[in-house]
Amino acid sequence: GLGIARRIDEAFEILESVEKDTSDGSPRLSPHLLCGFLNALIEAGDMRRANALVARFRQVLYEGQSVLLYNLLMKGYIKSNFPLGALTVKDEILRQGLKPDRLTYNTIIFACVKSAEIEKAFQFLEDMKVSHKGWKG
């Protein structure tokens, strides 16, 4: 993908053409499309631009009312060696009234372990068990 190849500028040119409705095939600006760009930025390790993308397209991204956006941001913070940033994203999930999914909990637990917050990791594991009663850990 563009993120892995670090062709971020090219990705933003594509995004701009979609935004201006001048791209081939006339794709529409959607949460799914923007999450793809967000993932490219995260894969490239560019959290500055990832956060800017979220801020710029917040309204479109929130249309989806999905935790996918937040799971991607948490992944980015962990990947950029700032696992505690993932915990602040978890707070935003709750503020938005969204329900964390299993991937959210797994990512939060991983962030806690990476930042040596073992007690918090166990607390989130317990929260996950309560939220996802069918899960047997």
C-alpha atoms as a PDB file:
ATOM      1  CA  GLY A   1       0.000   0.000   0.000  1.00  0.00           C
ATOM      2  CA  LEU A   2       0.900   3.632  -0.197  1.00  0.00           C
ATOM      3  CA  GLY A   3       1.664   3.819   3.527  1.00  0.00           C
ATOM      4  CA  ILE A   4       4.091   0.948   3.492  1.00  0.00           C
ATOM      5  CA  ALA A   5       5.890   2.456   0.524  1.00  0.00           C
ATOM      6  CA  ARG A   6       5.899   5.793   2.370  1.00  0.00           C
ATOM      7  CA  ARG A   7       4.236   7.446  -0.602  1.00  0.00           C
ATOM      8  CA  ILE A   8       2.170   9.624   1.666  1.00  0.00           C
ATOM      9  CA  ASP A   9       2.249  12.697  -0.543  1.00  0.00           C
ATOM     10  CA  GLU A  10       0.796  10.629  -3.376  1.00  0.00           C
ATOM     11  CA  ALA A  11      -1.910   9.353  -1.037  1.00  0.00           C
ATOM     12  CA  PHE A  12      -2.837  12.920  -0.107  1.00  0.00           C
ATOM     13  CA  GLU A  13      -2.995  13.899  -3.786  1.00  0.00           C
ATOM     14  CA  ILE A  14      -5.458  11.066  -4.331  1.00  0.00           C
ATOM     15  CA  LEU A  15      -7.469  12.139  -1.294  1.00  0.00           C
ATOM     16  CA  GLU A  16      -7.542  15.719  -2.560  1.00  0.00           C
ATOM     17  CA  SER A  17      -8.819  14.572  -5.963  1.00  0.00           C
ATOM     18  CA  VAL A  18     -11.586  12.581  -4.242  1.00  0.00           C
ATOM     19  CA  GLU A  19     -12.456  15.588  -2.108  1.00  0.00           C
ATOM     20  CA  LYS A  20     -12.632  17.840  -5.195  1.00  0.00           C
ATOM     21  CA  ASP A  21     -14.551  15.154  -7.125  1.00  0.00           C
ATOM     22  CA  THR A  22     -11.900  15.021  -9.864  1.00  0.00           C
ATOM     23  CA  SER A  23     -10.699  11.448  -9.299  1.00  0.00           C
ATOM     24  CA  ASP A  24     -11.230   8.539 -11.665  1.00  0.00           C
ATOM     25  CA  GLY A  25     -14.365   6.563 -10.964  1.00  0.00           C
ATOM     26  CA  SER A  26     -15.845   9.301  -8.763  1.00  0.00           C
ATOM     27  CA  PRO A  27     -15.412   7.605  -5.375  1.00  0.00           C
ATOM     28  CA  ARG A  28     -17.159   9.460  -2.589  1.00  0.00           C
ATOM     29  CA  LEU A  29     -15.524  10.625   0.593  1.00  0.00           C
ATOM     30  CA  SER A  30     -16.617   8.008   3.121  1.00  0.00           C
ATOM     31  CA  PRO A  31     -15.536   6.768   6.535  1.00  0.00           C
ATOM     32  CA  HIS A  32     -14.271   3.567   4.900  1.00  0.00           C
ATOM     33  CA  LEU A  33     -12.125   5.453   2.369  1.00  0.00           C
ATOM     34  CA  LEU A  34     -10.730   7.794   5.015  1.00  0.00           C
ATOM     35  CA  CYS A  35      -9.895   4.888   7.322  1.00  0.00           C
ATOM     36  CA  GLY A  36      -7.875   3.440   4.442  1.00  0.00           C
ATOM     37  CA  PHE A  37      -5.880   6.661   4.230  1.00  0.00           C
ATOM     38  CA  LEU A  38      -5.569   6.747   7.995  1.00  0.00           C
ATOM     39  CA  ASN A  39      -4.177   3.226   7.976  1.00  0.00           C
ATOM     40  CA  ALA A  40      -1.652   4.221   5.282  1.00  0.00           C
ATOM     41  CA  LEU A  41      -0.428   7.066   7.494  1.00  0.00           C
ATOM     42  CA  ILE A  42      -0.192   4.780  10.498  1.00  0.00           C
ATOM     43  CA  GLU A  43       1.736   2.162   8.534  1.00  0.00           C
ATOM     44  CA  ALA A  44       4.152   4.904   7.517  1.00  0.00           C
ATOM     45  CA  GLY A  45       4.512   5.943  11.168  1.00  0.00           C
ATOM     46  CA  ASP A  46       3.140   9.432  10.519  1.00  0.00           C
ATOM     47  CA  MET A  47       0.885  10.068  13.522  1.00  0.00           C
ATOM     48  CA  ARG A  48       1.088  13.836  13.019  1.00  0.00           C
ATOM     49  CA  ARG A  49      -0.648  13.550   9.663  1.00  0.00           C
ATOM     50  CA  ALA A  50      -2.946  10.790  10.945  1.00  0.00           C
ATOM     51  CA  ASN A  51      -4.256  13.076  13.684  1.00  0.00           C
ATOM     52  CA  ALA A  52      -4.542  15.948  11.203  1.00  0.00           C
ATOM     53  CA  LEU A  53      -6.589  13.714   8.890  1.00  0.00           C
ATOM     54  CA  VAL A  54      -8.947  12.823  11.727  1.00  0.00           C
ATOM     55  CA  ALA A  55      -9.323  16.479  12.700  1.00  0.00           C
ATOM     56  CA  ARG A  56      -9.907  17.593   9.098  1.00  0.00           C
ATOM     57  CA  PHE A  57     -12.484  14.926   8.272  1.00  0.00           C
ATOM     58  CA  ARG A  58     -13.966  14.401  11.724  1.00  0.00           C
ATOM     59  CA  GLN A  59     -17.541  14.873  10.514  1.00  0.00           C
ATOM     60  CA  VAL A  60     -17.217  12.312   7.705  1.00  0.00           C
ATOM     61  CA  LEU A  61     -15.344   9.848   9.897  1.00  0.00           C
ATOM     62  CA  TYR A  62     -17.950  10.038  12.644  1.00  0.00           C
ATOM     63  CA  GLU A  63     -20.726   9.266  10.125  1.00  0.00           C
ATOM     64  CA  GLY A  64     -19.751   5.637  10.374  1.00  0.00           C
ATOM     65  CA  GLN A  65     -20.189   5.567  14.151  1.00  0.00           C
ATOM     66  CA  SER A  66     -17.634   2.791  14.261  1.00  0.00           C
ATOM     67  CA  VAL A  67     -14.783   1.984  16.576  1.00  0.00           C
ATOM     68  CA  LEU A  68     -12.644   1.194  13.504  1.00  0.00           C
ATOM     69  CA  LEU A  69     -11.322   4.756  13.420  1.00  0.00           C
ATOM     70  CA  TYR A  70     -10.315   4.562  17.056  1.00  0.00           C
ATOM     71  CA  ASN A  71      -8.813   1.092  16.728  1.00  0.00           C
ATOM     72  CA  LEU A  72      -6.620   2.437  13.930  1.00  0.00           C
ATOM     73  CA  LEU A  73      -5.528   5.415  16.022  1.00  0.00           C
ATOM     74  CA  MET A  74      -4.652   3.158  18.946  1.00  0.00           C
ATOM     75  CA  LYS A  75      -2.641   0.948  16.600  1.00  0.00           C
ATOM     76  CA  GLY A  76      -0.794   4.045  15.424  1.00  0.00           C
ATOM     77  CA  TYR A  77       0.093   5.200  18.913  1.00  0.00           C
ATOM     78  CA  ILE A  78       1.403   1.768  19.809  1.00  0.00           C
ATOM     79  CA  LYS A  79       3.343   1.491  16.557  1.00  0.00           C
ATOM     80  CA  SER A  80       4.925   4.907  17.149  1.00  0.00           C
ATOM     81  CA  ASN A  81       6.068   3.842  20.638  1.00  0.00           C
ATOM     82  CA  PHE A  82       3.494   5.935  22.478  1.00  0.00           C
ATOM     83  CA  PRO A  83       1.223   3.224  23.889  1.00  0.00           C
ATOM     84  CA  LEU A  84      -0.269   5.512  26.528  1.00  0.00           C
ATOM     85  CA  GLY A  85      -1.769   7.510  23.655  1.00  0.00           C
ATOM     86  CA  ALA A  86      -3.948   4.487  22.950  1.00  0.00           C
ATOM     87  CA  LEU A  87      -5.487   4.828  26.394  1.00  0.00           C
ATOM     88  CA  THR A  88      -6.578   8.396  25.661  1.00  0.00           C
ATOM     89  CA  VAL A  89      -8.229   7.136  22.478  1.00  0.00           C
ATOM     90  CA  LYS A  90     -10.206   4.647  24.575  1.00  0.00           C
ATOM     91  CA  ASP A  91     -11.575   7.583  26.562  1.00  0.00           C
ATOM     92  CA  GLU A  92     -12.700   9.236  23.315  1.00  0.00           C
ATOM     93  CA  ILE A  93     -14.529   6.039  22.300  1.00  0.00           C
ATOM     94  CA  LEU A  94     -16.539   6.230  25.501  1.00  0.00           C
ATOM     95  CA  ARG A  95     -17.186   9.981  25.089  1.00  0.00           C
ATOM     96  CA  GLN A  96     -18.603   9.277  21.627  1.00  0.00           C
ATOM     97  CA  GLY A  97     -20.985   6.739  23.148  1.00  0.00           C
ATOM     98  CA  LEU A  98     -19.474   3.867  21.186  1.00  0.00           C
ATOM     99  CA  LYS A  99     -19.006   0.360  22.503  1.00  0.00           C
ATOM    100  CA  PRO A 100     -15.451  -0.988  22.384  1.00  0.00           C
ATOM    101  CA  ASP A 101     -15.209  -4.238  20.434  1.00  0.00           C
ATOM    102  CA  ARG A 102     -12.835  -7.126  21.083  1.00  0.00           C
ATOM    103  CA  LEU A 103     -10.143  -5.598  18.895  1.00  0.00           C
ATOM    104  CA  THR A 104     -10.428  -2.387  20.908  1.00  0.00           C
ATOM    105  CA  TYR A 105      -9.937  -4.258  24.169  1.00  0.00           C
ATOM    106  CA  ASN A 106      -7.086  -6.352  22.783  1.00  0.00           C
ATOM    107  CA  THR A 107      -5.348  -3.217  21.546  1.00  0.00           C
ATOM    108  CA  ILE A 108      -5.841  -1.433  24.869  1.00  0.00           C
ATOM    109  CA  ILE A 109      -4.513  -4.437  26.782  1.00  0.00           C
ATOM    110  CA  PHE A 110      -1.484  -4.607  24.493  1.00  0.00           C
ATOM    111  CA  ALA A 111      -0.886  -0.872  25.024  1.00  0.00           C
ATOM    112  CA  CYS A 112      -1.022  -1.367  28.789  1.00  0.00           C
ATOM    113  CA  VAL A 113       1.444  -4.243  28.676  1.00  0.00           C
ATOM    114  CA  LYS A 114       3.789  -2.269  26.411  1.00  0.00           C
ATOM    115  CA  SER A 115       3.738   0.642  28.839  1.00  0.00           C
ATOM    116  CA  ALA A 116       4.196  -1.635  31.891  1.00  0.00           C
ATOM    117  CA  GLU A 117       0.682  -0.854  33.158  1.00  0.00           C
ATOM    118  CA  ILE A 118      -0.038  -4.479  34.055  1.00  0.00           C
ATOM    119  CA  GLU A 119      -2.787  -3.717  36.588  1.00  0.00           C
ATOM    120  CA  LYS A 120      -4.639  -1.680  33.970  1.00  0.00           C
ATOM    121  CA  ALA A 121      -4.216  -4.523  31.481  1.00  0.00           C
ATOM    122  CA  PHE A 122      -5.903  -6.938  33.884  1.00  0.00           C
ATOM    123  CA  GLN A 123      -8.694  -4.432  34.547  1.00  0.00           C
ATOM    124  CA  PHE A 124      -9.379  -4.068  30.821  1.00  0.00           C
ATOM    125  CA  LEU A 125      -9.340  -7.849  30.470  1.00  0.00           C
ATOM    126  CA  GLU A 126     -12.033  -8.059  33.145  1.00  0.00           C
ATOM    127  CA  ASP A 127     -14.005  -5.272  31.442  1.00  0.00           C
ATOM    128  CA  MET A 128     -13.803  -7.207  28.178  1.00  0.00           C
ATOM    129  CA  LYS A 129     -15.083 -10.376  29.834  1.00  0.00           C
ATOM    130  CA  VAL A 130     -18.075  -8.463  31.194  1.00  0.00           C
ATOM    131  CA  SER A 131     -18.766  -6.677  27.893  1.00  0.00           C
ATOM    132  CA  HIS A 132     -18.415  -9.819  25.796  1.00  0.00           C
ATOM    133  CA  LYS A 133     -20.002 -12.444  28.010  1.00  0.00           C
ATOM    134  CA  GLY A 134     -19.468 -15.247  25.491  1.00  0.00           C
ATOM    135  CA  TRP A 135     -15.704 -14.773  25.623  1.00  0.00           C
ATOM    136  CA  LYS A 136     -13.820 -17.306  27.681  1.00  0.00           C
ATOM    137  CA  GLY A 137     -10.322 -16.097  28.468  1.00  0.00           C
END
